[in-house]
């Protein structure tokens, strides 16, 4: 198990990215959270088994149909304190 903190830039707010990512994470058994940031990016903490994590990270690069992902900053992170995957308020 490992965790990654992502900062996703591009057209990722107002296109359903957070709801889409929440569904993808739950489908793959990933724990963590997602939230919009005031600068227009989306931030997400993803944690899980390497295969599942890799699948969701790959999906994040595509995003939902209306999104246009320009870049993703990825950093190793601490495991989330709570189980499940949630949507957090904007930071």
PDB file of N, CA and C in Angstrom:
ATOM      1  N   UNK A   1       0.850  -1.186   0.000  1.00  0.00           N
ATOM      2  CA  UNK A   1       0.000   0.000   0.000  1.00  0.00           C
ATOM      3  C   UNK A   1       0.891   1.243   0.000  1.00  0.00           C
ATOM      4  N   UNK A   2       0.466   2.211  -0.776  1.00  0.00           N
ATOM      5  CA  UNK A   2       1.172   3.485  -0.786  1.00  0.00           C
ATOM      6  C   UNK A   2       0.174   4.593  -1.076  1.00  0.00           C
ATOM      7  N   UNK A   3       0.639   5.835  -0.946  1.00  0.00           N
ATOM      8  CA  UNK A   3      -0.236   6.993  -1.126  1.00  0.00           C
ATOM      9  C   UNK A   3       0.461   8.044  -1.972  1.00  0.00           C
ATOM     10  N   UNK A   4      -0.340   8.783  -2.740  1.00  0.00           N
ATOM     11  CA  UNK A   4       0.164   9.877  -3.574  1.00  0.00           C
ATOM     12  C   UNK A   4      -0.718  11.101  -3.390  1.00  0.00           C
ATOM     13  N   UNK A   5      -0.104  12.269  -3.346  1.00  0.00           N
ATOM     14  CA  UNK A   5      -0.816  13.532  -3.338  1.00  0.00           C
ATOM     15  C   UNK A   5      -0.678  14.122  -4.733  1.00  0.00           C
ATOM     16  N   UNK A   6      -1.813  14.436  -5.359  1.00  0.00           N
ATOM     17  CA  UNK A   6      -1.820  14.959  -6.722  1.00  0.00           C
ATOM     18  C   UNK A   6      -2.323  16.383  -6.754  1.00  0.00           C
ATOM     19  N   UNK A   7      -1.764  17.173  -7.653  1.00  0.00           N
ATOM     20  CA  UNK A   7      -2.289  18.498  -7.982  1.00  0.00           C
ATOM     21  C   UNK A   7      -2.540  18.470  -9.493  1.00  0.00           C
ATOM     22  N   UNK A   8      -3.803  18.498  -9.879  1.00  0.00           N
ATOM     23  CA  UNK A   8      -4.214  18.303 -11.261  1.00  0.00           C
ATOM     24  C   UNK A   8      -4.614  19.649 -11.838  1.00  0.00           C
ATOM     25  N   UNK A   9      -3.953  20.052 -12.921  1.00  0.00           N
ATOM     26  CA  UNK A   9      -4.192  21.363 -13.537  1.00  0.00           C
ATOM     27  C   UNK A   9      -4.796  21.197 -14.925  1.00  0.00           C
ATOM     28  N   UNK A  10      -5.487  22.242 -15.360  1.00  0.00           N
ATOM     29  CA  UNK A  10      -6.132  22.256 -16.667  1.00  0.00           C
ATOM     30  C   UNK A  10      -7.586  22.659 -16.490  1.00  0.00           C
ATOM     31  N   UNK A  11      -8.423  22.189 -17.387  1.00  0.00           N
ATOM     32  CA  UNK A  11      -9.865  22.442 -17.233  1.00  0.00           C
ATOM     33  C   UNK A  11     -10.424  21.299 -16.387  1.00  0.00           C
ATOM     34  N   UNK A  12     -10.322  21.451 -15.074  1.00  0.00           N
ATOM     35  CA  UNK A  12     -10.687  20.381 -14.152  1.00  0.00           C
ATOM     36  C   UNK A  12     -11.716  20.800 -13.108  1.00  0.00           C
ATOM     37  N   UNK A  13     -12.127  22.062 -13.116  1.00  0.00           N
ATOM     38  CA  UNK A  13     -13.195  22.509 -12.229  1.00  0.00           C
ATOM     39  C   UNK A  13     -14.412  22.851 -13.078  1.00  0.00           C
ATOM     40  N   UNK A  14     -15.593  22.517 -12.557  1.00  0.00           N
ATOM     41  CA  UNK A  14     -16.827  22.791 -13.271  1.00  0.00           C
ATOM     42  C   UNK A  14     -17.134  21.773 -14.364  1.00  0.00           C
ATOM     43  N   UNK A  15     -16.405  20.659 -14.371  1.00  0.00           N
ATOM     44  CA  UNK A  15     -16.613  19.628 -15.395  1.00  0.00           C
ATOM     45  C   UNK A  15     -16.897  18.260 -14.776  1.00  0.00           C
ATOM     46  N   UNK A  16     -17.145  18.212 -13.471  1.00  0.00           N
ATOM     47  CA  UNK A  16     -17.459  16.955 -12.798  1.00  0.00           C
ATOM     48  C   UNK A  16     -16.248  16.114 -12.427  1.00  0.00           C
ATOM     49  N   UNK A  17     -15.059  16.717 -12.400  1.00  0.00           N
ATOM     50  CA  UNK A  17     -13.840  15.952 -12.127  1.00  0.00           C
ATOM     51  C   UNK A  17     -13.872  15.299 -10.746  1.00  0.00           C
ATOM     52  N   UNK A  18     -14.281  16.037  -9.727  1.00  0.00           N
ATOM     53  CA  UNK A  18     -14.268  15.475  -8.368  1.00  0.00           C
ATOM     54  C   UNK A  18     -15.226  14.302  -8.235  1.00  0.00           C
ATOM     55  N   UNK A  19     -16.443  14.429  -8.754  1.00  0.00           N
ATOM     56  CA  UNK A  19     -17.408  13.328  -8.684  1.00  0.00           C
ATOM     57  C   UNK A  19     -16.897  12.118  -9.471  1.00  0.00           C
ATOM     58  N   UNK A  20     -16.332  12.384 -10.644  1.00  0.00           N
ATOM     59  CA  UNK A  20     -15.789  11.315 -11.473  1.00  0.00           C
ATOM     60  C   UNK A  20     -14.644  10.598 -10.735  1.00  0.00           C
ATOM     61  N   UNK A  21     -13.737  11.369 -10.131  1.00  0.00           N
ATOM     62  CA  UNK A  21     -12.612  10.768  -9.425  1.00  0.00           C
ATOM     63  C   UNK A  21     -13.085   9.977  -8.213  1.00  0.00           C
ATOM     64  N   UNK A  22     -14.088  10.465  -7.538  1.00  0.00           N
ATOM     65  CA  UNK A  22     -14.632   9.737  -6.392  1.00  0.00           C
ATOM     66  C   UNK A  22     -15.174   8.374  -6.842  1.00  0.00           C
ATOM     67  N   UNK A  23     -15.882   8.330  -7.965  1.00  0.00           N
ATOM     68  CA  UNK A  23     -16.387   7.052  -8.483  1.00  0.00           C
ATOM     69  C   UNK A  23     -15.242   6.123  -8.889  1.00  0.00           C
ATOM     70  N   UNK A  24     -14.241   6.672  -9.582  1.00  0.00           N
ATOM     71  CA  UNK A  24     -13.086   5.861 -10.005  1.00  0.00           C
ATOM     72  C   UNK A  24     -12.353   5.283  -8.793  1.00  0.00           C
ATOM     73  N   UNK A  25     -12.116   6.111  -7.794  1.00  0.00           N
ATOM     74  CA  UNK A  25     -11.405   5.667  -6.594  1.00  0.00           C
ATOM     75  C   UNK A  25     -12.179   4.557  -5.881  1.00  0.00           C
ATOM     76  N   UNK A  26     -13.455   4.753  -5.702  1.00  0.00           N
ATOM     77  CA  UNK A  26     -14.263   3.739  -5.017  1.00  0.00           C
ATOM     78  C   UNK A  26     -14.314   2.441  -5.820  1.00  0.00           C
ATOM     79  N   UNK A  27     -14.394   2.556  -7.127  1.00  0.00           N
ATOM     80  CA  UNK A  27     -14.446   1.369  -7.995  1.00  0.00           C
ATOM     81  C   UNK A  27     -13.175   0.529  -7.867  1.00  0.00           C
ATOM     82  N   UNK A  28     -12.046   1.194  -7.612  1.00  0.00           N
ATOM     83  CA  UNK A  28     -10.763   0.496  -7.497  1.00  0.00           C
ATOM     84  C   UNK A  28     -10.327   0.251  -6.051  1.00  0.00           C
ATOM     85  N   UNK A  29     -11.173   0.594  -5.084  1.00  0.00           N
ATOM     86  CA  UNK A  29     -10.842   0.358  -3.680  1.00  0.00           C
ATOM     87  C   UNK A  29      -9.781   1.306  -3.144  1.00  0.00           C
ATOM     88  N   UNK A  30      -9.735   2.517  -3.687  1.00  0.00           N
ATOM     89  CA  UNK A  30      -8.757   3.520  -3.271  1.00  0.00           C
ATOM     90  C   UNK A  30      -9.342   4.378  -2.145  1.00  0.00           C
ATOM     91  N   UNK A  31      -8.539   4.656  -1.135  1.00  0.00           N
ATOM     92  CA  UNK A  31      -8.934   5.540  -0.042  1.00  0.00           C
ATOM     93  C   UNK A  31      -8.356   6.928  -0.300  1.00  0.00           C
ATOM     94  N   UNK A  32      -8.919   7.931   0.384  1.00  0.00           N
ATOM     95  CA  UNK A  32      -8.380   9.285   0.292  1.00  0.00           C
ATOM     96  C   UNK A  32      -9.467  10.325   0.137  1.00  0.00           C
ATOM     97  N   UNK A  33      -9.144  11.389  -0.592  1.00  0.00           N
ATOM     98  CA  UNK A  33     -10.073  12.497  -0.753  1.00  0.00           C
ATOM     99  C   UNK A  33      -9.713  13.304  -2.005  1.00  0.00           C
ATOM    100  N   UNK A  34     -10.652  14.179  -2.402  1.00  0.00           N
ATOM    101  CA  UNK A  34     -10.443  15.086  -3.530  1.00  0.00           C
ATOM    102  C   UNK A  34     -11.103  16.417  -3.188  1.00  0.00           C
ATOM    103  N   UNK A  35     -10.502  17.516  -3.666  1.00  0.00           N
ATOM    104  CA  UNK A  35     -11.093  18.837  -3.441  1.00  0.00           C
ATOM    105  C   UNK A  35     -10.619  19.807  -4.517  1.00  0.00           C
ATOM    106  N   UNK A  36     -11.437  20.826  -4.760  1.00  0.00           N
ATOM    107  CA  UNK A  36     -11.029  21.935  -5.610  1.00  0.00           C
ATOM    108  C   UNK A  36     -10.135  22.860  -4.805  1.00  0.00           C
ATOM    109  N   UNK A  37      -9.225  23.532  -5.504  1.00  0.00           N
ATOM    110  CA  UNK A  37      -8.398  24.558  -4.875  1.00  0.00           C
ATOM    111  C   UNK A  37      -8.764  25.898  -5.483  1.00  0.00           C
ATOM    112  N   UNK A  38      -8.568  26.951  -4.724  1.00  0.00           N
ATOM    113  CA  UNK A  38      -8.928  28.294  -5.169  1.00  0.00           C
ATOM    114  C   UNK A  38      -8.176  28.719  -6.429  1.00  0.00           C
ATOM    115  N   UNK A  39      -7.031  28.101  -6.711  1.00  0.00           N
ATOM    116  CA  UNK A  39      -6.251  28.473  -7.896  1.00  0.00           C
ATOM    117  C   UNK A  39      -6.726  27.791  -9.183  1.00  0.00           C
ATOM    118  N   UNK A  40      -7.826  27.010  -9.107  1.00  0.00           N
ATOM    119  CA  UNK A  40      -8.377  26.358 -10.285  1.00  0.00           C
ATOM    120  C   UNK A  40      -7.924  24.926 -10.497  1.00  0.00           C
ATOM    121  N   UNK A  41      -7.046  24.436  -9.639  1.00  0.00           N
ATOM    122  CA  UNK A  41      -6.598  23.048  -9.739  1.00  0.00           C
ATOM    123  C   UNK A  41      -7.474  22.150  -8.876  1.00  0.00           C
ATOM    124  N   UNK A  42      -7.281  20.858  -9.030  1.00  0.00           N
ATOM    125  CA  UNK A  42      -7.919  19.865  -8.177  1.00  0.00           C
ATOM    126  C   UNK A  42      -6.799  19.140  -7.435  1.00  0.00           C
ATOM    127  N   UNK A  43      -6.977  18.965  -6.140  1.00  0.00           N
ATOM    128  CA  UNK A  43      -5.995  18.272  -5.305  1.00  0.00           C
ATOM    129  C   UNK A  43      -6.619  16.959  -4.832  1.00  0.00           C
ATOM    130  N   UNK A  44      -5.842  15.889  -4.854  1.00  0.00           N
ATOM    131  CA  UNK A  44      -6.366  14.597  -4.425  1.00  0.00           C
ATOM    132  C   UNK A  44      -5.303  13.795  -3.697  1.00  0.00           C
ATOM    133  N   UNK A  45      -5.721  13.086  -2.662  1.00  0.00           N
ATOM    134  CA  UNK A  45      -4.888  12.130  -1.962  1.00  0.00           C
ATOM    135  C   UNK A  45      -5.439  10.756  -2.303  1.00  0.00           C
ATOM    136  N   UNK A  46      -4.611   9.909  -2.910  1.00  0.00           N
ATOM    137  CA  UNK A  46      -5.011   8.565  -3.308  1.00  0.00           C
ATOM    138  C   UNK A  46      -4.136   7.556  -2.584  1.00  0.00           C
ATOM    139  N   UNK A  47      -4.739   6.528  -2.005  1.00  0.00           N
ATOM    140  CA  UNK A  47      -3.979   5.510  -1.282  1.00  0.00           C
ATOM    141  C   UNK A  47      -4.580   4.141  -1.539  1.00  0.00           C
ATOM    142  N   UNK A  48      -3.707   3.164  -1.780  1.00  0.00           N
ATOM    143  CA  UNK A  48      -4.194   1.816  -2.003  1.00  0.00           C
ATOM    144  C   UNK A  48      -3.095   0.904  -2.508  1.00  0.00           C
ATOM    145  N   UNK A  49      -3.502  -0.278  -2.943  1.00  0.00           N
ATOM    146  CA  UNK A  49      -2.580  -1.243  -3.525  1.00  0.00           C
ATOM    147  C   UNK A  49      -1.999  -0.676  -4.815  1.00  0.00           C
ATOM    148  N   UNK A  50      -0.767  -1.025  -5.126  1.00  0.00           N
ATOM    149  CA  UNK A  50      -0.065  -0.444  -6.274  1.00  0.00           C
ATOM    150  C   UNK A  50      -0.810  -0.594  -7.599  1.00  0.00           C
ATOM    151  N   UNK A  51      -1.382  -1.776  -7.875  1.00  0.00           N
ATOM    152  CA  UNK A  51      -2.088  -1.977  -9.139  1.00  0.00           C
ATOM    153  C   UNK A  51      -3.293  -1.052  -9.253  1.00  0.00           C
ATOM    154  N   UNK A  52      -4.087  -0.978  -8.191  1.00  0.00           N
ATOM    155  CA  UNK A  52      -5.275  -0.124  -8.192  1.00  0.00           C
ATOM    156  C   UNK A  52      -4.866   1.345  -8.267  1.00  0.00           C
ATOM    157  N   UNK A  53      -3.845   1.711  -7.531  1.00  0.00           N
ATOM    158  CA  UNK A  53      -3.356   3.087  -7.529  1.00  0.00           C
ATOM    159  C   UNK A  53      -2.870   3.480  -8.927  1.00  0.00           C
ATOM    160  N   UNK A  54      -2.151   2.602  -9.567  1.00  0.00           N
ATOM    161  CA  UNK A  54      -1.657   2.857 -10.919  1.00  0.00           C
ATOM    162  C   UNK A  54      -2.807   3.060 -11.903  1.00  0.00           C
ATOM    163  N   UNK A  55      -3.861   2.248 -11.778  1.00  0.00           N
ATOM    164  CA  UNK A  55      -5.021   2.371 -12.665  1.00  0.00           C
ATOM    165  C   UNK A  55      -5.714   3.718 -12.486  1.00  0.00           C
ATOM    166  N   UNK A  56      -5.876   4.159 -11.241  1.00  0.00           N
ATOM    167  CA  UNK A  56      -6.551   5.440 -10.988  1.00  0.00           C
ATOM    168  C   UNK A  56      -5.655   6.610 -11.403  1.00  0.00           C
ATOM    169  N   UNK A  57      -4.364   6.516 -11.172  1.00  0.00           N
ATOM    170  CA  UNK A  57      -3.450   7.573 -11.609  1.00  0.00           C
ATOM    171  C   UNK A  57      -3.484   7.718 -13.129  1.00  0.00           C
ATOM    172  N   UNK A  58      -3.534   6.620 -13.830  1.00  0.00           N
ATOM    173  CA  UNK A  58      -3.627   6.651 -15.290  1.00  0.00           C
ATOM    174  C   UNK A  58      -4.942   7.300 -15.727  1.00  0.00           C
ATOM    175  N   UNK A  59      -6.035   6.939 -15.063  1.00  0.00           N
ATOM    176  CA  UNK A  59      -7.337   7.530 -15.377  1.00  0.00           C
ATOM    177  C   UNK A  59      -7.340   9.032 -15.112  1.00  0.00           C
ATOM    178  N   UNK A  60      -6.645   9.468 -14.063  1.00  0.00           N
ATOM    179  CA  UNK A  60      -6.587  10.896 -13.722  1.00  0.00           C
ATOM    180  C   UNK A  60      -5.964  11.716 -14.852  1.00  0.00           C
ATOM    181  N   UNK A  61      -5.056  11.131 -15.585  1.00  0.00           N
ATOM    182  CA  UNK A  61      -4.407  11.846 -16.689  1.00  0.00           C
ATOM    183  C   UNK A  61      -5.384  12.105 -17.833  1.00  0.00           C
ATOM    184  N   UNK A  62      -6.409  11.268 -17.953  1.00  0.00           N
ATOM    185  CA  UNK A  62      -7.454  11.460 -18.967  1.00  0.00           C
ATOM    186  C   UNK A  62      -8.581  12.315 -18.420  1.00  0.00           C
ATOM    187  N   UNK A  63      -9.061  11.974 -17.226  1.00  0.00           N
ATOM    188  CA  UNK A  63     -10.171  12.688 -16.614  1.00  0.00           C
ATOM    189  C   UNK A  63     -11.499  12.334 -17.256  1.00  0.00           C
ATOM    190  N   UNK A  64     -12.577  12.972 -16.784  1.00  0.00           N
ATOM    191  CA  UNK A  64     -13.904  12.737 -17.354  1.00  0.00           C
ATOM    192  C   UNK A  64     -14.010  13.413 -18.731  1.00  0.00           C
ATOM    193  N   UNK A  65     -15.073  13.118 -19.477  1.00  0.00           N
ATOM    194  CA  UNK A  65     -15.189  13.615 -20.854  1.00  0.00           C
ATOM    195  C   UNK A  65     -15.023  15.124 -21.048  1.00  0.00           C
ATOM    196  N   UNK A  66     -15.537  15.957 -20.153  1.00  0.00           N
ATOM    197  CA  UNK A  66     -15.474  17.407 -20.344  1.00  0.00           C
ATOM    198  C   UNK A  66     -14.178  18.045 -19.840  1.00  0.00           C
ATOM    199  N   UNK A  67     -13.358  17.273 -19.152  1.00  0.00           N
ATOM    200  CA  UNK A  67     -12.104  17.809 -18.589  1.00  0.00           C
ATOM    201  C   UNK A  67     -11.001  17.835 -19.647  1.00  0.00           C
ATOM    202  N   UNK A  68     -10.019  18.700 -19.388  1.00  0.00           N
ATOM    203  CA  UNK A  68      -8.802  18.724 -20.201  1.00  0.00           C
ATOM    204  C   UNK A  68      -7.637  18.844 -19.215  1.00  0.00           C
ATOM    205  N   UNK A  69      -7.005  17.724 -18.930  1.00  0.00           N
ATOM    206  CA  UNK A  69      -5.900  17.686 -17.977  1.00  0.00           C
ATOM    207  C   UNK A  69      -4.633  18.147 -18.687  1.00  0.00           C
ATOM    208  N   UNK A  70      -4.017  19.210 -18.165  1.00  0.00           N
ATOM    209  CA  UNK A  70      -2.782  19.736 -18.754  1.00  0.00           C
ATOM    210  C   UNK A  70      -1.544  19.199 -18.047  1.00  0.00           C
ATOM    211  N   UNK A  71      -1.629  19.023 -16.734  1.00  0.00           N
ATOM    212  CA  UNK A  71      -0.484  18.499 -15.988  1.00  0.00           C
ATOM    213  C   UNK A  71      -0.944  17.946 -14.649  1.00  0.00           C
ATOM    214  N   UNK A  72      -0.120  17.047 -14.117  1.00  0.00           N
ATOM    215  CA  UNK A  72      -0.353  16.493 -12.785  1.00  0.00           C
ATOM    216  C   UNK A  72       0.973  16.476 -12.044  1.00  0.00           C
ATOM    217  N   UNK A  73       1.013  17.155 -10.897  1.00  0.00           N
ATOM    218  CA  UNK A  73       2.153  17.055  -9.989  1.00  0.00           C
ATOM    219  C   UNK A  73       1.842  15.902  -9.050  1.00  0.00           C
ATOM    220  N   UNK A  74       2.782  15.007  -8.874  1.00  0.00           N
ATOM    221  CA  UNK A  74       2.569  13.824  -8.047  1.00  0.00           C
ATOM    222  C   UNK A  74       3.681  13.706  -7.009  1.00  0.00           C
ATOM    223  N   UNK A  75       3.279  13.514  -5.744  1.00  0.00           N
ATOM    224  CA  UNK A  75       4.236  13.379  -4.648  1.00  0.00           C
ATOM    225  C   UNK A  75       3.821  12.208  -3.765  1.00  0.00           C
ATOM    226  N   UNK A  76       4.808  11.483  -3.226  1.00  0.00           N
ATOM    227  CA  UNK A  76       4.495  10.462  -2.239  1.00  0.00           C
ATOM    228  C   UNK A  76       3.905  11.153  -1.016  1.00  0.00           C
ATOM    229  N   UNK A  77       2.991  10.469  -0.332  1.00  0.00           N
ATOM    230  CA  UNK A  77       2.285  11.089   0.792  1.00  0.00           C
ATOM    231  C   UNK A  77       2.050  10.069   1.898  1.00  0.00           C
ATOM    232  N   UNK A  78       1.617  10.583   3.036  1.00  0.00           N
ATOM    233  CA  UNK A  78       1.221   9.735   4.163  1.00  0.00           C
ATOM    234  C   UNK A  78      -0.144   9.125   3.858  1.00  0.00           C
ATOM    235  N   UNK A  79      -0.399   7.963   4.415  1.00  0.00           N
ATOM    236  CA  UNK A  79      -1.691   7.304   4.245  1.00  0.00           C
ATOM    237  C   UNK A  79      -2.792   8.156   4.891  1.00  0.00           C
ATOM    238  N   UNK A  80      -3.998   8.165   4.317  1.00  0.00           N
ATOM    239  CA  UNK A  80      -5.094   8.937   4.919  1.00  0.00           C
ATOM    240  C   UNK A  80      -5.469   8.369   6.280  1.00  0.00           C
ATOM    241  N   UNK A  81      -5.994   9.240   7.126  1.00  0.00           N
ATOM    242  CA  UNK A  81      -6.366   8.831   8.478  1.00  0.00           C
ATOM    243  C   UNK A  81      -7.675   8.053   8.500  1.00  0.00           C
ATOM    244  N   UNK A  82      -8.565   8.315   7.547  1.00  0.00           N
ATOM    245  CA  UNK A  82      -9.879   7.685   7.535  1.00  0.00           C
ATOM    246  C   UNK A  82     -10.028   6.770   6.330  1.00  0.00           C
ATOM    247  N   UNK A  83     -10.810   5.702   6.480  1.00  0.00           N
ATOM    248  CA  UNK A  83     -11.062   4.814   5.336  1.00  0.00           C
ATOM    249  C   UNK A  83     -12.032   5.472   4.354  1.00  0.00           C
ATOM    250  N   UNK A  84     -12.145   4.907   3.157  1.00  0.00           N
ATOM    251  CA  UNK A  84     -13.077   5.414   2.170  1.00  0.00           C
ATOM    252  C   UNK A  84     -12.500   6.568   1.376  1.00  0.00           C
ATOM    253  N   UNK A  85     -13.301   7.069   0.442  1.00  0.00           N
ATOM    254  CA  UNK A  85     -12.874   8.181  -0.404  1.00  0.00           C
ATOM    255  C   UNK A  85     -13.945   9.252  -0.346  1.00  0.00           C
ATOM    256  N   UNK A  86     -13.539  10.478  -0.003  1.00  0.00           N
ATOM    257  CA  UNK A  86     -14.500  11.558   0.201  1.00  0.00           C
ATOM    258  C   UNK A  86     -14.173  12.775  -0.657  1.00  0.00           C
ATOM    259  N   UNK A  87     -15.174  13.612  -0.792  1.00  0.00           N
ATOM    260  CA  UNK A  87     -15.023  14.899  -1.460  1.00  0.00           C
ATOM    261  C   UNK A  87     -14.951  15.957  -0.366  1.00  0.00           C
ATOM    262  N   UNK A  88     -13.893  16.756  -0.377  1.00  0.00           N
ATOM    263  CA  UNK A  88     -13.700  17.787   0.652  1.00  0.00           C
ATOM    264  C   UNK A  88     -14.087  19.157   0.102  1.00  0.00           C
ATOM    265  N   UNK A  89     -14.334  20.109   1.009  1.00  0.00           N
ATOM    266  CA  UNK A  89     -14.629  21.482   0.567  1.00  0.00           C
ATOM    267  C   UNK A  89     -13.405  22.114  -0.118  1.00  0.00           C
ATOM    268  N   UNK A  90     -13.664  23.121  -0.907  1.00  0.00           N
ATOM    269  CA  UNK A  90     -12.600  23.856  -1.600  1.00  0.00           C
ATOM    270  C   UNK A  90     -11.622  24.440  -0.598  1.00  0.00           C
ATOM    271  N   UNK A  91     -10.330  24.371  -0.943  1.00  0.00           N
ATOM    272  CA  UNK A  91      -9.269  24.913  -0.084  1.00  0.00           C
ATOM    273  C   UNK A  91      -8.950  26.320  -0.523  1.00  0.00           C
TER     274      UNK A  91
END
